[in-house]
Amino acid sequence: MKYRVPMLFLAIIFISLSILTIASNNPSGGSGVTVDQPQDIWMVVAFAVSIFLPALILGIFNSTATRVISSIYQILFAIPAFILTLGIIFTTAVPILVFVLFLSTIVITASAVTTLCVTS
């Protein structure tokens, strides 16, 4: 548990950092999240954290079944993050955004593998 929980918190931090980077680098029109409206950014970050919360709660337990469910749940986050990273690479020329999304994908995948493989 001493390795799983910090990796899950690190994944949550990188998800939030990705959301903030996307909001700051891609100002959009009326329905997008921008830095000009901080309450919307807080709402999106809170939503992402609340969606990732079951993986965190399941990662605390030491049962094999809960670890497998938690890692599958995290992989379901890693796949869209990877697809978003590929989409950003081919559509924009913002290196910091690509870097943050790439790091987020790596951290979420590492968190899933750590949750699945580490028993203590």
PDB file of N, CA and C in Angstrom:
ATOM      1  N   MET A   1       0.821  -1.196   0.000  1.00  0.00           N
ATOM      2  CA  MET A   1       0.000   0.000   0.000  1.00  0.00           C
ATOM      3  C   MET A   1       0.861   1.254   0.000  1.00  0.00           C
ATOM      4  N   LYS A   2       2.081   1.157   0.538  1.00  0.00           N
ATOM      5  CA  LYS A   2       2.910   2.359   0.601  1.00  0.00           C
ATOM      6  C   LYS A   2       3.416   2.786  -0.777  1.00  0.00           C
ATOM      7  N   TYR A   3       3.320   1.916  -1.779  1.00  0.00           N
ATOM      8  CA  TYR A   3       3.682   2.297  -3.139  1.00  0.00           C
ATOM      9  C   TYR A   3       2.458   2.622  -3.991  1.00  0.00           C
ATOM     10  N   ARG A   4       1.352   1.936  -3.731  1.00  0.00           N
ATOM     11  CA  ARG A   4       0.161   2.106  -4.555  1.00  0.00           C
ATOM     12  C   ARG A   4      -0.500   3.463  -4.344  1.00  0.00           C
ATOM     13  N   VAL A   5      -0.715   3.837  -3.115  1.00  0.00           N
ATOM     14  CA  VAL A   5      -1.434   5.081  -2.818  1.00  0.00           C
ATOM     15  C   VAL A   5      -0.676   6.326  -3.294  1.00  0.00           C
ATOM     16  N   PRO A   6       0.633   6.435  -3.061  1.00  0.00           N
ATOM     17  CA  PRO A   6       1.330   7.615  -3.618  1.00  0.00           C
ATOM     18  C   PRO A   6       1.285   7.677  -5.146  1.00  0.00           C
ATOM     19  N   MET A   7       1.334   6.517  -5.811  1.00  0.00           N
ATOM     20  CA  MET A   7       1.225   6.526  -7.270  1.00  0.00           C
ATOM     21  C   MET A   7      -0.160   6.979  -7.714  1.00  0.00           C
ATOM     22  N   LEU A   8      -1.183   6.583  -6.974  1.00  0.00           N
ATOM     23  CA  LEU A   8      -2.538   7.027  -7.304  1.00  0.00           C
ATOM     24  C   LEU A   8      -2.691   8.533  -7.089  1.00  0.00           C
ATOM     25  N   PHE A   9      -2.123   9.048  -5.996  1.00  0.00           N
ATOM     26  CA  PHE A   9      -2.166  10.497  -5.767  1.00  0.00           C
ATOM     27  C   PHE A   9      -1.379  11.248  -6.843  1.00  0.00           C
ATOM     28  N   LEU A  10      -0.254  10.690  -7.247  1.00  0.00           N
ATOM     29  CA  LEU A  10       0.536  11.307  -8.313  1.00  0.00           C
ATOM     30  C   LEU A  10      -0.247  11.320  -9.625  1.00  0.00           C
ATOM     31  N   ALA A  11      -0.985  10.254  -9.886  1.00  0.00           N
ATOM     32  CA  ALA A  11      -1.820  10.217 -11.092  1.00  0.00           C
ATOM     33  C   ALA A  11      -2.911  11.284 -11.027  1.00  0.00           C
ATOM     34  N   ILE A  12      -3.523  11.462  -9.862  1.00  0.00           N
ATOM     35  CA  ILE A  12      -4.552  12.494  -9.708  1.00  0.00           C
ATOM     36  C   ILE A  12      -3.946  13.879  -9.914  1.00  0.00           C
ATOM     37  N   ILE A  13      -2.757  14.104  -9.391  1.00  0.00           N
ATOM     38  CA  ILE A  13      -2.090  15.396  -9.564  1.00  0.00           C
ATOM     39  C   ILE A  13      -1.795  15.657 -11.038  1.00  0.00           C
ATOM     40  N   PHE A  14      -1.325  14.634 -11.753  1.00  0.00           N
ATOM     41  CA  PHE A  14      -1.018  14.824 -13.168  1.00  0.00           C
ATOM     42  C   PHE A  14      -2.279  14.995 -14.014  1.00  0.00           C
ATOM     43  N   ILE A  15      -3.376  14.341 -13.634  1.00  0.00           N
ATOM     44  CA  ILE A  15      -4.632  14.564 -14.338  1.00  0.00           C
ATOM     45  C   ILE A  15      -5.067  16.023 -14.171  1.00  0.00           C
ATOM     46  N   SER A  16      -4.968  16.534 -12.946  1.00  0.00           N
ATOM     47  CA  SER A  16      -5.335  17.935 -12.696  1.00  0.00           C
ATOM     48  C   SER A  16      -4.402  18.891 -13.430  1.00  0.00           C
ATOM     49  N   LEU A  17      -3.120  18.577 -13.448  1.00  0.00           N
ATOM     50  CA  LEU A  17      -2.158  19.407 -14.171  1.00  0.00           C
ATOM     51  C   LEU A  17      -2.445  19.407 -15.665  1.00  0.00           C
ATOM     52  N   SER A  18      -2.855  18.263 -16.192  1.00  0.00           N
ATOM     53  CA  SER A  18      -3.215  18.198 -17.621  1.00  0.00           C
ATOM     54  C   SER A  18      -4.416  19.072 -17.924  1.00  0.00           C
ATOM     55  N   ILE A  19      -5.411  19.030 -17.051  1.00  0.00           N
ATOM     56  CA  ILE A  19      -6.605  19.852 -17.257  1.00  0.00           C
ATOM     57  C   ILE A  19      -6.237  21.331 -17.224  1.00  0.00           C
ATOM     58  N   LEU A  20      -5.405  21.726 -16.279  1.00  0.00           N
ATOM     59  CA  LEU A  20      -4.996  23.132 -16.192  1.00  0.00           C
ATOM     60  C   LEU A  20      -4.163  23.554 -17.399  1.00  0.00           C
ATOM     61  N   THR A  21      -3.306  22.668 -17.887  1.00  0.00           N
ATOM     62  CA  THR A  21      -2.484  22.995 -19.054  1.00  0.00           C
ATOM     63  C   THR A  21      -3.342  23.125 -20.302  1.00  0.00           C
ATOM     64  N   ILE A  22      -4.305  22.226 -20.450  1.00  0.00           N
ATOM     65  CA  ILE A  22      -5.203  22.323 -21.605  1.00  0.00           C
ATOM     66  C   ILE A  22      -6.008  23.620 -21.551  1.00  0.00           C
ATOM     67  N   ALA A  23      -6.489  23.974 -20.364  1.00  0.00           N
ATOM     68  CA  ALA A  23      -7.295  25.194 -20.231  1.00  0.00           C
ATOM     69  C   ALA A  23      -6.468  26.448 -20.494  1.00  0.00           C
ATOM     70  N   SER A  24      -5.203  26.436 -20.098  1.00  0.00           N
ATOM     71  CA  SER A  24      -4.400  27.642 -20.277  1.00  0.00           C
ATOM     72  C   SER A  24      -3.843  27.785 -21.687  1.00  0.00           C
ATOM     73  N   ASN A  25      -3.615  26.674 -22.381  1.00  0.00           N
ATOM     74  CA  ASN A  25      -3.018  26.757 -23.710  1.00  0.00           C
ATOM     75  C   ASN A  25      -4.020  26.785 -24.846  1.00  0.00           C
ATOM     76  N   ASN A  26      -5.243  26.414 -24.589  1.00  0.00           N
ATOM     77  CA  ASN A  26      -6.236  26.362 -25.649  1.00  0.00           C
ATOM     78  C   ASN A  26      -7.460  27.186 -25.287  1.00  0.00           C
ATOM     79  N   PRO A  27      -7.365  28.515 -25.345  1.00  0.00           N
ATOM     80  CA  PRO A  27      -8.569  29.311 -25.079  1.00  0.00           C
ATOM     81  C   PRO A  27      -9.592  29.067 -26.181  1.00  0.00           C
ATOM     82  N   SER A  28     -10.780  28.738 -25.750  1.00  0.00           N
ATOM     83  CA  SER A  28     -11.807  28.395 -26.738  1.00  0.00           C
ATOM     84  C   SER A  28     -13.012  29.308 -26.571  1.00  0.00           C
ATOM     85  N   GLY A  29     -14.046  28.967 -27.277  1.00  0.00           N
ATOM     86  CA  GLY A  29     -15.249  29.790 -27.303  1.00  0.00           C
ATOM     87  C   GLY A  29     -16.104  29.627 -26.068  1.00  0.00           C
ATOM     88  N   GLY A  30     -17.405  29.680 -26.248  1.00  0.00           N
ATOM     89  CA  GLY A  30     -18.350  29.730 -25.156  1.00  0.00           C
ATOM     90  C   GLY A  30     -18.440  28.484 -24.295  1.00  0.00           C
ATOM     91  N   SER A  31     -18.312  27.298 -24.860  1.00  0.00           N
ATOM     92  CA  SER A  31     -18.543  26.089 -24.070  1.00  0.00           C
ATOM     93  C   SER A  31     -17.267  25.439 -23.567  1.00  0.00           C
ATOM     94  N   GLY A  32     -16.113  25.975 -23.855  1.00  0.00           N
ATOM     95  CA  GLY A  32     -14.857  25.400 -23.404  1.00  0.00           C
ATOM     96  C   GLY A  32     -14.445  25.925 -22.044  1.00  0.00           C
ATOM     97  N   VAL A  33     -13.486  25.244 -21.434  1.00  0.00           N
ATOM     98  CA  VAL A  33     -12.959  25.660 -20.139  1.00  0.00           C
ATOM     99  C   VAL A  33     -11.756  26.549 -20.384  1.00  0.00           C
ATOM    100  N   THR A  34     -11.788  27.756 -19.836  1.00  0.00           N
ATOM    101  CA  THR A  34     -10.688  28.696 -19.997  1.00  0.00           C
ATOM    102  C   THR A  34     -10.210  29.161 -18.633  1.00  0.00           C
ATOM    103  N   VAL A  35      -9.075  29.825 -18.632  1.00  0.00           N
ATOM    104  CA  VAL A  35      -8.503  30.335 -17.395  1.00  0.00           C
ATOM    105  C   VAL A  35      -9.283  31.540 -16.892  1.00  0.00           C
ATOM    106  N   ASP A  36     -10.049  32.165 -17.764  1.00  0.00           N
ATOM    107  CA  ASP A  36     -10.841  33.331 -17.375  1.00  0.00           C
ATOM    108  C   ASP A  36     -11.970  32.981 -16.413  1.00  0.00           C
ATOM    109  N   GLN A  37     -12.372  31.726 -16.378  1.00  0.00           N
ATOM    110  CA  GLN A  37     -13.468  31.280 -15.518  1.00  0.00           C
ATOM    111  C   GLN A  37     -12.943  30.219 -14.545  1.00  0.00           C
ATOM    112  N   PRO A  38     -12.369  30.636 -13.432  1.00  0.00           N
ATOM    113  CA  PRO A  38     -11.757  29.660 -12.520  1.00  0.00           C
ATOM    114  C   PRO A  38     -12.753  28.703 -11.880  1.00  0.00           C
ATOM    115  N   GLN A  39     -14.007  29.123 -11.713  1.00  0.00           N
ATOM    116  CA  GLN A  39     -14.989  28.207 -11.120  1.00  0.00           C
ATOM    117  C   GLN A  39     -15.234  27.018 -12.048  1.00  0.00           C
ATOM    118  N   ASP A  40     -15.171  27.216 -13.343  1.00  0.00           N
ATOM    119  CA  ASP A  40     -15.330  26.107 -14.275  1.00  0.00           C
ATOM    120  C   ASP A  40     -14.129  25.160 -14.224  1.00  0.00           C
ATOM    121  N   ILE A  41     -12.942  25.728 -14.085  1.00  0.00           N
ATOM    122  CA  ILE A  41     -11.748  24.882 -13.972  1.00  0.00           C
ATOM    123  C   ILE A  41     -11.809  24.049 -12.701  1.00  0.00           C
ATOM    124  N   TRP A  42     -12.201  24.667 -11.579  1.00  0.00           N
ATOM    125  CA  TRP A  42     -12.327  23.916 -10.327  1.00  0.00           C
ATOM    126  C   TRP A  42     -13.359  22.813 -10.454  1.00  0.00           C
ATOM    127  N   MET A  43     -14.437  23.093 -11.164  1.00  0.00           N
ATOM    128  CA  MET A  43     -15.478  22.093 -11.334  1.00  0.00           C
ATOM    129  C   MET A  43     -14.974  20.912 -12.173  1.00  0.00           C
ATOM    130  N   VAL A  44     -14.221  21.179 -13.221  1.00  0.00           N
ATOM    131  CA  VAL A  44     -13.689  20.114 -14.072  1.00  0.00           C
ATOM    132  C   VAL A  44     -12.648  19.292 -13.312  1.00  0.00           C
ATOM    133  N   VAL A  45     -11.777  19.957 -12.566  1.00  0.00           N
ATOM    134  CA  VAL A  45     -10.773  19.234 -11.777  1.00  0.00           C
ATOM    135  C   VAL A  45     -11.448  18.385 -10.691  1.00  0.00           C
ATOM    136  N   ALA A  46     -12.451  18.941 -10.028  1.00  0.00           N
ATOM    137  CA  ALA A  46     -13.177  18.179  -9.004  1.00  0.00           C
ATOM    138  C   ALA A  46     -13.892  16.982  -9.615  1.00  0.00           C
ATOM    139  N   PHE A  47     -14.427  17.154 -10.814  1.00  0.00           N
ATOM    140  CA  PHE A  47     -15.080  16.044 -11.495  1.00  0.00           C
ATOM    141  C   PHE A  47     -14.082  14.942 -11.838  1.00  0.00           C
ATOM    142  N   ALA A  48     -12.903  15.320 -12.341  1.00  0.00           N
ATOM    143  CA  ALA A  48     -11.884  14.326 -12.683  1.00  0.00           C
ATOM    144  C   ALA A  48     -11.392  13.592 -11.435  1.00  0.00           C
ATOM    145  N   VAL A  49     -11.208  14.319 -10.348  1.00  0.00           N
ATOM    146  CA  VAL A  49     -10.768  13.693  -9.098  1.00  0.00           C
ATOM    147  C   VAL A  49     -11.850  12.762  -8.564  1.00  0.00           C
ATOM    148  N   SER A  50     -13.110  13.180  -8.641  1.00  0.00           N
ATOM    149  CA  SER A  50     -14.189  12.329  -8.144  1.00  0.00           C
ATOM    150  C   SER A  50     -14.363  11.082  -9.005  1.00  0.00           C
ATOM    151  N   ILE A  51     -14.066  11.174 -10.286  1.00  0.00           N
ATOM    152  CA  ILE A  51     -14.140   9.989 -11.143  1.00  0.00           C
ATOM    153  C   ILE A  51     -12.973   9.047 -10.828  1.00  0.00           C
ATOM    154  N   PHE A  52     -11.823   9.577 -10.469  1.00  0.00           N
ATOM    155  CA  PHE A  52     -10.650   8.759 -10.154  1.00  0.00           C
ATOM    156  C   PHE A  52     -10.679   8.253  -8.714  1.00  0.00           C
ATOM    157  N   LEU A  53     -11.572   8.766  -7.894  1.00  0.00           N
ATOM    158  CA  LEU A  53     -11.655   8.395  -6.481  1.00  0.00           C
ATOM    159  C   LEU A  53     -11.918   6.907  -6.240  1.00  0.00           C
ATOM    160  N   PRO A  54     -12.787   6.226  -7.004  1.00  0.00           N
ATOM    161  CA  PRO A  54     -12.948   4.783  -6.774  1.00  0.00           C
ATOM    162  C   PRO A  54     -11.663   3.984  -6.956  1.00  0.00           C
ATOM    163  N   ALA A  55     -10.839   4.375  -7.913  1.00  0.00           N
ATOM    164  CA  ALA A  55      -9.553   3.694  -8.084  1.00  0.00           C
ATOM    165  C   ALA A  55      -8.669   3.894  -6.858  1.00  0.00           C
ATOM    166  N   LEU A  56      -8.725   5.089  -6.280  1.00  0.00           N
ATOM    167  CA  LEU A  56      -7.955   5.367  -5.073  1.00  0.00           C
ATOM    168  C   LEU A  56      -8.461   4.553  -3.894  1.00  0.00           C
ATOM    169  N   ILE A  57      -9.763   4.498  -3.727  1.00  0.00           N
ATOM    170  CA  ILE A  57     -10.340   3.749  -2.611  1.00  0.00           C
ATOM    171  C   ILE A  57     -10.061   2.256  -2.769  1.00  0.00           C
ATOM    172  N   LEU A  58     -10.218   1.727  -3.979  1.00  0.00           N
ATOM    173  CA  LEU A  58      -9.946   0.304  -4.203  1.00  0.00           C
ATOM    174  C   LEU A  58      -8.462  -0.013  -4.088  1.00  0.00           C
ATOM    175  N   GLY A  59      -7.599   0.951  -4.389  1.00  0.00           N
ATOM    176  CA  GLY A  59      -6.159   0.725  -4.291  1.00  0.00           C
ATOM    177  C   GLY A  59      -5.663   0.638  -2.863  1.00  0.00           C
ATOM    178  N   ILE A  60      -6.441   1.109  -1.919  1.00  0.00           N
ATOM    179  CA  ILE A  60      -6.035   1.060  -0.514  1.00  0.00           C
ATOM    180  C   ILE A  60      -6.083  -0.368   0.017  1.00  0.00           C
ATOM    181  N   PHE A  61      -7.074  -1.137  -0.430  1.00  0.00           N
ATOM    182  CA  PHE A  61      -7.236  -2.488   0.078  1.00  0.00           C
ATOM    183  C   PHE A  61      -6.173  -3.414  -0.489  1.00  0.00           C
ATOM    184  N   ASN A  62      -5.863  -4.469   0.250  1.00  0.00           N
ATOM    185  CA  ASN A  62      -4.793  -5.371  -0.130  1.00  0.00           C
ATOM    186  C   ASN A  62      -5.309  -6.623  -0.824  1.00  0.00           C
ATOM    187  N   SER A  63      -6.594  -6.723  -1.072  1.00  0.00           N
ATOM    188  CA  SER A  63      -7.167  -7.881  -1.738  1.00  0.00           C
ATOM    189  C   SER A  63      -6.792  -7.886  -3.217  1.00  0.00           C
ATOM    190  N   THR A  64      -6.596  -9.068  -3.760  1.00  0.00           N
ATOM    191  CA  THR A  64      -6.235  -9.184  -5.168  1.00  0.00           C
ATOM    192  C   THR A  64      -7.353  -8.681  -6.073  1.00  0.00           C
ATOM    193  N   ALA A  65      -8.586  -8.985  -5.709  1.00  0.00           N
ATOM    194  CA  ALA A  65      -9.722  -8.562  -6.536  1.00  0.00           C
ATOM    195  C   ALA A  65      -9.832  -7.041  -6.608  1.00  0.00           C
ATOM    196  N   THR A  66      -9.666  -6.363  -5.478  1.00  0.00           N
ATOM    197  CA  THR A  66      -9.772  -4.900  -5.501  1.00  0.00           C
ATOM    198  C   THR A  66      -8.609  -4.268  -6.256  1.00  0.00           C
ATOM    199  N   ARG A  67      -7.428  -4.878  -6.166  1.00  0.00           N
ATOM    200  CA  ARG A  67      -6.290  -4.344  -6.912  1.00  0.00           C
ATOM    201  C   ARG A  67      -6.485  -4.507  -8.417  1.00  0.00           C
ATOM    202  N   VAL A  68      -7.042  -5.642  -8.836  1.00  0.00           N
ATOM    203  CA  VAL A  68      -7.290  -5.865 -10.259  1.00  0.00           C
ATOM    204  C   VAL A  68      -8.347  -4.884 -10.771  1.00  0.00           C
ATOM    205  N   ILE A  69      -9.424  -4.701 -10.016  1.00  0.00           N
ATOM    206  CA  ILE A  69     -10.474  -3.757 -10.420  1.00  0.00           C
ATOM    207  C   ILE A  69      -9.918  -2.339 -10.483  1.00  0.00           C
ATOM    208  N   SER A  70      -9.097  -1.962  -9.499  1.00  0.00           N
ATOM    209  CA  SER A  70      -8.502  -0.628  -9.484  1.00  0.00           C
ATOM    210  C   SER A  70      -7.574  -0.420 -10.674  1.00  0.00           C
ATOM    211  N   SER A  71      -6.776  -1.416 -11.012  1.00  0.00           N
ATOM    212  CA  SER A  71      -5.856  -1.257 -12.140  1.00  0.00           C
ATOM    213  C   SER A  71      -6.607  -1.218 -13.464  1.00  0.00           C
ATOM    214  N   ILE A  72      -7.678  -1.998 -13.599  1.00  0.00           N
ATOM    215  CA  ILE A  72      -8.494  -1.921 -14.819  1.00  0.00           C
ATOM    216  C   ILE A  72      -9.131  -0.536 -14.937  1.00  0.00           C
ATOM    217  N   TYR A  73      -9.611  -0.021 -13.827  1.00  0.00           N
ATOM    218  CA  TYR A  73     -10.213   1.314 -13.811  1.00  0.00           C
ATOM    219  C   TYR A  73      -9.195   2.378 -14.220  1.00  0.00           C
ATOM    220  N   GLN A  74      -7.962   2.225 -13.760  1.00  0.00           N
ATOM    221  CA  GLN A  74      -6.919   3.189 -14.119  1.00  0.00           C
ATOM    222  C   GLN A  74      -6.527   3.067 -15.583  1.00  0.00           C
ATOM    223  N   ILE A  75      -6.524   1.850 -16.105  1.00  0.00           N
ATOM    224  CA  ILE A  75      -6.207   1.671 -17.520  1.00  0.00           C
ATOM    225  C   ILE A  75      -7.295   2.302 -18.380  1.00  0.00           C
ATOM    226  N   LEU A  76      -8.533   2.292 -17.878  1.00  0.00           N
ATOM    227  CA  LEU A  76      -9.604   2.974 -18.605  1.00  0.00           C
ATOM    228  C   LEU A  76      -9.399   4.487 -18.628  1.00  0.00           C
ATOM    229  N   PHE A  77      -8.576   5.016 -17.736  1.00  0.00           N
ATOM    230  CA  PHE A  77      -8.163   6.421 -17.790  1.00  0.00           C
ATOM    231  C   PHE A  77      -6.956   6.600 -18.700  1.00  0.00           C
ATOM    232  N   ALA A  78      -6.060   5.620 -18.719  1.00  0.00           N
ATOM    233  CA  ALA A  78      -4.820   5.746 -19.480  1.00  0.00           C
ATOM    234  C   ALA A  78      -5.068   5.705 -20.982  1.00  0.00           C
ATOM    235  N   ILE A  79      -6.024   4.914 -21.420  1.00  0.00           N
ATOM    236  CA  ILE A  79      -6.289   4.798 -22.862  1.00  0.00           C
ATOM    237  C   ILE A  79      -6.770   6.124 -23.454  1.00  0.00           C
ATOM    238  N   PRO A  80      -7.793   6.788 -22.860  1.00  0.00           N
ATOM    239  CA  PRO A  80      -8.170   8.106 -23.424  1.00  0.00           C
ATOM    240  C   PRO A  80      -7.063   9.152 -23.292  1.00  0.00           C
ATOM    241  N   ALA A  81      -6.268   9.077 -22.229  1.00  0.00           N
ATOM    242  CA  ALA A  81      -5.155  10.022 -22.098  1.00  0.00           C
ATOM    243  C   ALA A  81      -4.142   9.812 -23.215  1.00  0.00           C
ATOM    244  N   PHE A  82      -3.889   8.560 -23.566  1.00  0.00           N
ATOM    245  CA  PHE A  82      -2.963   8.261 -24.664  1.00  0.00           C
ATOM    246  C   PHE A  82      -3.530   8.749 -25.996  1.00  0.00           C
ATOM    247  N   ILE A  83      -4.818   8.507 -26.232  1.00  0.00           N
ATOM    248  CA  ILE A  83      -5.453   8.959 -27.474  1.00  0.00           C
ATOM    249  C   ILE A  83      -5.462  10.487 -27.547  1.00  0.00           C
ATOM    250  N   LEU A  84      -5.727  11.152 -26.409  1.00  0.00           N
ATOM    251  CA  LEU A  84      -5.689  12.613 -26.375  1.00  0.00           C
ATOM    252  C   LEU A  84      -4.284  13.131 -26.656  1.00  0.00           C
ATOM    253  N   THR A  85      -3.274  12.445 -26.112  1.00  0.00           N
ATOM    254  CA  THR A  85      -1.890  12.844 -26.370  1.00  0.00           C
ATOM    255  C   THR A  85      -1.565  12.731 -27.851  1.00  0.00           C
ATOM    256  N   LEU A  86      -1.972  11.632 -28.479  1.00  0.00           N
ATOM    257  CA  LEU A  86      -1.730  11.488 -29.918  1.00  0.00           C
ATOM    258  C   LEU A  86      -2.463  12.556 -30.720  1.00  0.00           C
ATOM    259  N   GLY A  87      -3.685  12.854 -30.321  1.00  0.00           N
ATOM    260  CA  GLY A  87      -4.434  13.891 -31.010  1.00  0.00           C
ATOM    261  C   GLY A  87      -3.794  15.261 -30.881  1.00  0.00           C
ATOM    262  N   ILE A  88      -3.294  15.568 -29.699  1.00  0.00           N
ATOM    263  CA  ILE A  88      -2.630  16.854 -29.476  1.00  0.00           C
ATOM    264  C   ILE A  88      -1.313  16.928 -30.241  1.00  0.00           C
ATOM    265  N   ILE A  89      -0.582  15.814 -30.313  1.00  0.00           N
ATOM    266  CA  ILE A  89       0.687  15.811 -31.049  1.00  0.00           C
ATOM    267  C   ILE A  89       0.452  16.158 -32.514  1.00  0.00           C
ATOM    268  N   PHE A  90      -0.592  15.595 -33.107  1.00  0.00           N
ATOM    269  CA  PHE A  90      -0.815  15.786 -34.534  1.00  0.00           C
ATOM    270  C   PHE A  90      -1.600  17.045 -34.875  1.00  0.00           C
ATOM    271  N   THR A  91      -2.223  17.701 -33.899  1.00  0.00           N
ATOM    272  CA  THR A  91      -3.049  18.862 -34.231  1.00  0.00           C
ATOM    273  C   THR A  91      -2.486  20.191 -33.750  1.00  0.00           C
ATOM    274  N   THR A  92      -1.691  20.202 -32.693  1.00  0.00           N
ATOM    275  CA  THR A  92      -1.160  21.475 -32.197  1.00  0.00           C
ATOM    276  C   THR A  92       0.355  21.422 -32.109  1.00  0.00           C
ATOM    277  N   ALA A  93       0.929  22.570 -31.957  1.00  0.00           N
ATOM    278  CA  ALA A  93       2.375  22.673 -31.824  1.00  0.00           C
ATOM    279  C   ALA A  93       2.727  23.281 -30.471  1.00  0.00           C
ATOM    280  N   VAL A  94       2.098  22.795 -29.408  1.00  0.00           N
ATOM    281  CA  VAL A  94       2.353  23.304 -28.067  1.00  0.00           C
ATOM    282  C   VAL A  94       3.150  22.241 -27.311  1.00  0.00           C
ATOM    283  N   PRO A  95       4.476  22.411 -27.203  1.00  0.00           N
ATOM    284  CA  PRO A  95       5.301  21.357 -26.617  1.00  0.00           C
ATOM    285  C   PRO A  95       5.011  21.088 -25.139  1.00  0.00           C
ATOM    286  N   ILE A  96       4.680  22.117 -24.366  1.00  0.00           N
ATOM    287  CA  ILE A  96       4.428  21.894 -22.941  1.00  0.00           C
ATOM    288  C   ILE A  96       3.164  21.061 -22.744  1.00  0.00           C
ATOM    289  N   LEU A  97       2.176  21.262 -23.588  1.00  0.00           N
ATOM    290  CA  LEU A  97       0.943  20.489 -23.508  1.00  0.00           C
ATOM    291  C   LEU A  97       1.202  19.027 -23.854  1.00  0.00           C
ATOM    292  N   VAL A  98       1.976  18.791 -24.894  1.00  0.00           N
ATOM    293  CA  VAL A  98       2.329  17.417 -25.267  1.00  0.00           C
ATOM    294  C   VAL A  98       3.127  16.760 -24.147  1.00  0.00           C
ATOM    295  N   PHE A  99       4.059  17.492 -23.558  1.00  0.00           N
ATOM    296  CA  PHE A  99       4.886  16.954 -22.486  1.00  0.00           C
ATOM    297  C   PHE A  99       4.053  16.582 -21.270  1.00  0.00           C
ATOM    298  N   VAL A 100       3.140  17.456 -20.852  1.00  0.00           N
ATOM    299  CA  VAL A 100       2.306  17.184 -19.674  1.00  0.00           C
ATOM    300  C   VAL A 100       1.366  16.013 -19.933  1.00  0.00           C
ATOM    301  N   LEU A 101       0.769  15.957 -21.103  1.00  0.00           N
ATOM    302  CA  LEU A 101      -0.119  14.840 -21.411  1.00  0.00           C
ATOM    303  C   LEU A 101       0.645  13.525 -21.511  1.00  0.00           C
ATOM    304  N   PHE A 102       1.842  13.570 -22.072  1.00  0.00           N
ATOM    305  CA  PHE A 102       2.674  12.366 -22.150  1.00  0.00           C
ATOM    306  C   PHE A 102       3.056  11.884 -20.755  1.00  0.00           C
ATOM    307  N   LEU A 103       3.460  12.801 -19.884  1.00  0.00           N
ATOM    308  CA  LEU A 103       3.786  12.433 -18.502  1.00  0.00           C
ATOM    309  C   LEU A 103       2.559  11.893 -17.762  1.00  0.00           C
ATOM    310  N   SER A 104       1.416  12.481 -17.998  1.00  0.00           N
ATOM    311  CA  SER A 104       0.185  12.001 -17.361  1.00  0.00           C
ATOM    312  C   SER A 104      -0.124  10.571 -17.788  1.00  0.00           C
ATOM    313  N   THR A 105       0.024  10.300 -19.066  1.00  0.00           N
ATOM    314  CA  THR A 105      -0.230   8.947 -19.562  1.00  0.00           C
ATOM    315  C   THR A 105       0.743   7.950 -18.941  1.00  0.00           C
ATOM    316  N   ILE A 106       2.005   8.328 -18.854  1.00  0.00           N
ATOM    317  CA  ILE A 106       3.006   7.436 -18.257  1.00  0.00           C
ATOM    318  C   ILE A 106       2.714   7.207 -16.778  1.00  0.00           C
ATOM    319  N   VAL A 107       2.362   8.255 -16.050  1.00  0.00           N
ATOM    320  CA  VAL A 107       2.098   8.118 -14.617  1.00  0.00           C
ATOM    321  C   VAL A 107       0.846   7.279 -14.361  1.00  0.00           C
ATOM    322  N   ILE A 108      -0.201   7.474 -15.151  1.00  0.00           N
ATOM    323  CA  ILE A 108      -1.416   6.682 -14.964  1.00  0.00           C
ATOM    324  C   ILE A 108      -1.144   5.211 -15.281  1.00  0.00           C
ATOM    325  N   THR A 109      -0.391   4.945 -16.339  1.00  0.00           N
ATOM    326  CA  THR A 109      -0.052   3.568 -16.681  1.00  0.00           C
ATOM    327  C   THR A 109       0.840   2.949 -15.610  1.00  0.00           C
ATOM    328  N   ALA A 110       1.818   3.689 -15.119  1.00  0.00           N
ATOM    329  CA  ALA A 110       2.676   3.189 -14.048  1.00  0.00           C
ATOM    330  C   ALA A 110       1.896   2.945 -12.773  1.00  0.00           C
ATOM    331  N   SER A 111       0.924   3.795 -12.491  1.00  0.00           N
ATOM    332  CA  SER A 111       0.073   3.605 -11.330  1.00  0.00           C
ATOM    333  C   SER A 111      -0.764   2.346 -11.455  1.00  0.00           C
ATOM    334  N   ALA A 112      -1.274   2.071 -12.649  1.00  0.00           N
ATOM    335  CA  ALA A 112      -2.051   0.854 -12.873  1.00  0.00           C
ATOM    336  C   ALA A 112      -1.178  -0.386 -12.703  1.00  0.00           C
ATOM    337  N   VAL A 113       0.028  -0.341 -13.243  1.00  0.00           N
ATOM    338  CA  VAL A 113       0.935  -1.481 -13.107  1.00  0.00           C
ATOM    339  C   VAL A 113       1.364  -1.667 -11.657  1.00  0.00           C
ATOM    340  N   THR A 114       1.629  -0.582 -10.960  1.00  0.00           N
ATOM    341  CA  THR A 114       2.004  -0.660  -9.542  1.00  0.00           C
ATOM    342  C   THR A 114       0.860  -1.217  -8.718  1.00  0.00           C
ATOM    343  N   THR A 115      -0.345  -0.772  -8.984  1.00  0.00           N
ATOM    344  CA  THR A 115      -1.497  -1.277  -8.252  1.00  0.00           C
ATOM    345  C   THR A 115      -1.698  -2.763  -8.493  1.00  0.00           C
ATOM    346  N   LEU A 116      -1.449  -3.201  -9.685  1.00  0.00           N
ATOM    347  CA  LEU A 116      -1.651  -4.600 -10.024  1.00  0.00           C
ATOM    348  C   LEU A 116      -0.535  -5.497  -9.487  1.00  0.00           C
ATOM    349  N   CYS A 117       0.701  -5.023  -9.522  1.00  0.00           N
ATOM    350  CA  CYS A 117       1.833  -5.904  -9.213  1.00  0.00           C
ATOM    351  C   CYS A 117       2.333  -5.844  -7.785  1.00  0.00           C
ATOM    352  N   VAL A 118       2.274  -4.692  -7.139  1.00  0.00           N
ATOM    353  CA  VAL A 118       2.846  -4.548  -5.810  1.00  0.00           C
ATOM    354  C   VAL A 118       1.825  -5.034  -4.773  1.00  0.00           C
ATOM    355  N   THR A 119       2.255  -5.944  -3.916  1.00  0.00           N
ATOM    356  CA  THR A 119       1.318  -6.530  -2.943  1.00  0.00           C
ATOM    357  C   THR A 119       1.328  -5.826  -1.595  1.00  0.00           C
ATOM    358  N   SER A 120       2.396  -5.174  -1.221  1.00  0.00           N
ATOM    359  CA  SER A 120       2.414  -4.544   0.112  1.00  0.00           C
ATOM    360  C   SER A 120       2.159  -3.070   0.054  1.00  0.00           C
TER     361      SER A 120
END
